[in-house]
Amino acid sequence: MSKPKTRPACPLIAPSLLKCDFGNLESEIARLEDANARTLHWDVMDGHFVPNLSYGAMVIERLRERTELLFDAHLMITDPARWVDDYLRAGCDWVTIHIEACPDPLPVFRKIRDAGKMAGIALNPETPVKSLQACVGECDLVLVMSVHPGFGGQKFIASSTDKIKEVRELFGSDTLISVDGGIGPKTISQVSAAGAEVFVAGSSIFDQPCYESAIREMEELAAGARI
């Protein structure tokens, strides 16, 4: 397999576009650039694997032309193997699929990594960490869902902290751990201390008057928890 892109400096706050103003996507991205965001997290929903619809590869591809920020695509979709090429062509730098939707993810990982991108695997709150055993050494990122996927603004599930510790023990230090759901100033320190390095944040950024202050506060809290 080709070597994937270099991992970013962490902690990394990943604003979730699911919570932005969809009527002003381009201006929202410009605001995030001005706020010193380094990545954009794209929550792709198909109305089948999760109950809601969001955006797809065509939207992401058009916005790829408008920014150089890292694109982190989280595919909450049925049969991701069928669609992953579309997201690679759209310019996504990281592509994460769900173990629940793709019980044999290794061929998909290889396709993503052969394209020079980072391959991720996500697991829902009810899914045990041991289900990822075959993924060890085969992917670049594990995304721990700390809420049930499909809706923004949910409350953080406290047991996710222990799950992050389990993932770190299983995968070691070479694999990035991301956490998605209910992440904000009140929860980011505990998940950072548990081993998370990438923090997907929606309401805790987009519901704030100043995106820059919101991102900086969480970066500082996450970094402080790892000292």
Protein backbone atom coordinates (compact mmCIF):
# COMPACT_ATOMS: atom_id res chain seq x y z
CA MET A 1 0.00 0.00 0.00
CA SER A 2 1.09 3.58 -0.61
CA LYS A 3 2.06 5.55 2.44
CA PRO A 4 -0.80 7.83 3.54
CA LYS A 5 -0.43 11.54 4.16
CA THR A 6 1.51 12.67 7.23
CA ARG A 7 -0.59 12.85 10.38
CA PRO A 8 -1.36 16.38 11.58
CA ALA A 9 -0.14 18.11 14.69
CA CYS A 10 -2.48 17.35 17.58
CA PRO A 11 -4.66 18.23 19.38
CA LEU A 12 -6.76 18.95 16.33
CA ILE A 13 -10.22 20.50 16.54
CA ALA A 14 -12.36 19.36 13.60
CA PRO A 15 -15.39 21.62 13.10
CA SER A 16 -18.39 19.55 12.01
CA LEU A 17 -20.10 21.18 9.04
CA LEU A 18 -23.30 19.40 10.05
CA LYS A 19 -23.95 22.31 12.43
CA CYS A 20 -23.04 25.17 10.12
CA ASP A 21 -25.39 27.40 8.12
CA PHE A 22 -26.03 25.28 5.02
CA GLY A 23 -27.29 28.33 3.17
CA ASN A 24 -23.87 29.98 3.51
CA LEU A 25 -21.39 27.10 3.30
CA GLU A 26 -18.70 29.08 1.50
CA SER A 27 -18.84 31.97 3.99
CA GLU A 28 -18.87 29.54 6.92
CA ILE A 29 -15.67 27.94 5.62
CA ALA A 30 -14.10 31.38 5.24
CA ARG A 31 -15.03 32.16 8.85
CA LEU A 32 -13.41 28.93 9.99
CA GLU A 33 -10.25 29.73 8.03
CA ASP A 34 -10.14 33.13 9.72
CA ALA A 35 -10.58 31.34 13.05
CA ASN A 36 -7.42 29.29 12.36
CA ALA A 37 -9.26 26.01 11.88
CA ARG A 38 -7.05 23.39 10.22
CA THR A 39 -9.61 20.84 9.12
CA LEU A 40 -13.27 20.45 8.19
CA HIS A 41 -15.25 17.40 9.28
CA TRP A 42 -17.85 16.29 6.74
CA ASP A 43 -20.65 14.20 8.27
CA VAL A 44 -22.04 12.35 5.27
CA MET A 45 -25.49 10.85 5.98
CA ASP A 46 -27.57 8.76 3.59
CA GLY A 47 -30.96 8.51 5.33
CA HIS A 48 -30.48 4.73 5.58
CA PHE A 49 -27.51 3.87 7.79
CA VAL A 50 -28.58 6.88 9.85
CA PRO A 51 -32.04 8.47 9.74
CA ASN A 52 -31.00 11.88 8.39
CA LEU A 53 -29.63 13.19 5.09
CA SER A 54 -26.84 15.74 4.86
CA TYR A 55 -24.56 16.30 1.83
CA GLY A 56 -22.66 14.12 -0.59
CA ALA A 57 -19.56 14.00 -2.74
CA MET A 58 -20.80 16.60 -5.26
CA VAL A 59 -21.14 19.28 -2.57
CA ILE A 60 -17.79 18.41 -1.03
CA GLU A 61 -16.07 18.49 -4.44
CA ARG A 62 -17.31 22.01 -5.18
CA LEU A 63 -16.16 23.28 -1.79
CA ARG A 64 -12.78 21.57 -2.22
CA GLU A 65 -12.12 24.21 -4.91
CA ARG A 66 -12.61 26.98 -2.36
CA THR A 67 -10.26 26.01 0.48
CA GLU A 68 -7.02 24.20 1.22
CA LEU A 69 -8.14 23.02 4.66
CA LEU A 70 -7.86 19.30 5.37
CA PHE A 71 -11.10 17.47 4.51
CA ASP A 72 -12.08 14.78 7.02
CA ALA A 73 -15.00 12.76 5.60
CA HIS A 74 -17.05 10.60 7.96
CA LEU A 75 -19.21 8.29 5.84
CA MET A 76 -22.33 7.37 7.82
CA ILE A 77 -23.67 5.42 4.87
CA THR A 78 -24.69 1.91 3.88
CA ASP A 79 -22.24 0.03 1.63
CA PRO A 80 -19.38 2.57 1.82
CA ALA A 81 -17.23 0.39 -0.46
CA ARG A 82 -19.57 1.31 -3.31
CA TRP A 83 -19.15 5.05 -2.80
CA VAL A 84 -15.65 5.59 -1.44
CA ASP A 85 -14.16 6.41 -4.86
CA ASP A 86 -16.53 9.37 -5.14
CA TYR A 87 -15.16 10.88 -1.93
CA LEU A 88 -11.58 10.30 -2.96
CA ARG A 89 -12.26 12.06 -6.27
CA ALA A 90 -13.98 14.86 -4.37
CA GLY A 91 -10.69 15.64 -2.64
CA CYS A 92 -11.18 14.20 0.85
CA ASP A 93 -7.91 13.76 2.73
CA TRP A 94 -9.27 11.37 5.34
CA VAL A 95 -12.10 8.93 4.68
CA THR A 96 -13.68 7.10 7.61
CA ILE A 97 -16.18 4.28 7.26
CA HIS A 98 -18.26 2.44 9.88
CA ILE A 99 -17.49 -1.10 10.98
CA GLU A 100 -21.26 -1.64 11.32
CA ALA A 101 -21.73 -0.83 7.61
CA CYS A 102 -18.64 -2.65 6.36
CA PRO A 103 -17.74 -5.77 8.34
CA ASP A 104 -14.75 -6.42 6.04
CA PRO A 105 -13.16 -2.96 5.77
CA LEU A 106 -9.64 -3.97 4.77
CA PRO A 107 -10.15 -3.71 0.97
CA VAL A 108 -11.63 -0.24 1.47
CA PHE A 109 -8.70 0.80 3.65
CA ARG A 110 -6.30 -0.32 0.95
CA LYS A 111 -8.09 1.67 -1.71
CA ILE A 112 -8.00 4.81 0.45
CA ARG A 113 -4.36 4.41 1.39
CA ASP A 114 -3.32 3.57 -2.17
CA ALA A 115 -4.79 6.95 -3.12
CA GLY A 116 -2.40 8.56 -0.62
CA LYS A 117 -5.17 9.37 1.85
CA MET A 118 -5.77 8.39 5.46
CA ALA A 119 -8.20 5.55 6.15
CA GLY A 120 -10.39 5.56 9.23
CA ILE A 121 -12.80 3.21 10.95
CA ALA A 122 -15.68 4.40 13.15
CA LEU A 123 -17.68 2.54 15.75
CA ASN A 124 -21.04 3.34 17.29
CA PRO A 125 -21.64 3.53 21.05
CA GLU A 126 -23.07 0.00 21.22
CA THR A 127 -20.25 -1.59 19.20
CA PRO A 128 -17.44 -3.19 21.23
CA VAL A 129 -13.86 -2.22 20.60
CA LYS A 130 -12.95 -5.88 20.02
CA SER A 131 -14.87 -5.73 16.73
CA LEU A 132 -11.96 -3.66 15.36
CA GLN A 133 -9.30 -6.31 15.99
CA ALA A 134 -8.78 -6.98 12.27
CA CYS A 135 -8.26 -3.25 11.65
CA VAL A 136 -5.13 -2.97 13.78
CA GLY A 137 -2.22 -1.94 11.56
CA GLU A 138 -4.52 -1.57 8.55
CA CYS A 139 -5.99 1.90 9.12
CA ASP A 140 -4.73 5.31 10.21
CA LEU A 141 -7.55 6.56 12.39
CA VAL A 142 -10.23 5.25 14.74
CA LEU A 143 -13.30 7.43 15.28
CA VAL A 144 -15.14 6.77 18.54
CA MET A 145 -18.75 7.90 18.38
CA SER A 146 -19.61 9.45 21.75
CA VAL A 147 -23.25 9.96 20.69
CA HIS A 148 -25.56 7.96 18.46
CA PRO A 149 -24.81 8.95 14.85
CA GLY A 150 -27.26 10.86 12.72
CA PHE A 151 -28.08 13.95 14.77
CA GLY A 152 -26.12 16.98 15.95
CA GLY A 153 -26.35 18.54 19.39
CA GLN A 154 -26.59 15.32 21.43
CA LYS A 155 -25.31 14.81 24.97
CA PHE A 156 -21.92 13.16 25.42
CA ILE A 157 -22.08 9.48 26.47
CA ALA A 158 -19.82 9.23 29.53
CA SER A 159 -18.72 5.63 28.88
CA SER A 160 -16.99 6.84 25.69
CA THR A 161 -13.98 7.86 27.76
CA ASP A 162 -13.28 4.25 28.74
CA LYS A 163 -13.85 3.19 25.15
CA ILE A 164 -11.17 5.60 23.95
CA LYS A 165 -8.76 4.06 26.44
CA GLU A 166 -9.59 0.60 25.07
CA VAL A 167 -8.96 1.77 21.51
CA ARG A 168 -5.60 3.25 22.48
CA GLU A 169 -4.59 0.01 24.19
CA LEU A 170 -5.58 -2.05 21.15
CA PHE A 171 -4.14 0.16 18.41
CA GLY A 172 -1.08 1.62 20.13
CA SER A 173 0.41 5.04 19.57
CA ASP A 174 0.67 5.04 15.77
CA THR A 175 -3.07 5.31 15.11
CA LEU A 176 -4.93 8.59 15.48
CA ILE A 177 -7.97 8.51 17.74
CA SER A 178 -10.84 10.86 16.94
CA VAL A 179 -13.97 11.41 19.02
CA ASP A 180 -17.29 12.72 17.74
CA GLY A 181 -20.34 13.76 19.73
CA GLY A 182 -21.00 16.16 22.58
CA ILE A 183 -17.46 17.54 22.48
CA GLY A 184 -16.99 20.97 24.04
CA PRO A 185 -15.17 22.72 26.89
CA LYS A 186 -16.84 20.51 29.53
CA THR A 187 -15.90 17.19 27.92
CA ILE A 188 -12.76 17.70 25.84
CA SER A 189 -10.26 17.41 28.68
CA GLN A 190 -11.43 13.95 29.75
CA VAL A 191 -11.38 12.47 26.26
CA SER A 192 -7.97 14.03 25.57
CA ALA A 193 -6.57 12.54 28.76
CA ALA A 194 -8.00 9.16 27.67
CA GLY A 195 -6.04 9.28 24.41
CA ALA A 196 -8.12 11.15 21.84
CA GLU A 197 -6.21 13.51 19.55
CA VAL A 198 -8.83 14.73 17.05
CA PHE A 199 -11.99 16.34 18.41
CA VAL A 200 -15.04 16.73 16.20
CA ALA A 201 -17.02 19.72 17.44
CA GLY A 202 -20.29 21.12 16.15
CA SER A 203 -22.49 23.10 18.53
CA SER A 204 -19.52 24.11 20.68
CA ILE A 205 -18.17 26.07 17.70
CA PHE A 206 -21.13 27.05 15.53
CA ASP A 207 -23.36 28.15 18.42
CA GLN A 208 -20.67 30.54 19.65
CA PRO A 209 -20.32 34.18 18.55
CA CYS A 210 -16.57 33.81 17.92
CA TYR A 211 -15.36 30.67 16.18
CA GLU A 212 -11.71 31.53 16.84
CA SER A 213 -12.20 31.79 20.62
CA ALA A 214 -14.19 28.55 20.69
CA ILE A 215 -11.52 26.61 18.78
CA ARG A 216 -8.63 28.10 20.75
CA GLU A 217 -10.25 27.33 24.12
CA MET A 218 -10.77 23.69 23.21
CA GLU A 219 -7.25 23.34 21.80
CA GLU A 220 -5.83 24.67 25.04
CA LEU A 221 -7.99 22.42 27.20
CA ALA A 222 -7.12 19.34 25.14
CA ALA A 223 -3.39 20.13 25.22
CA GLY A 224 -3.46 20.82 28.94
CA ALA A 225 -5.11 17.50 29.69
CA ARG A 226 -2.25 15.59 28.07
CA ILE A 227 0.55 17.23 30.07
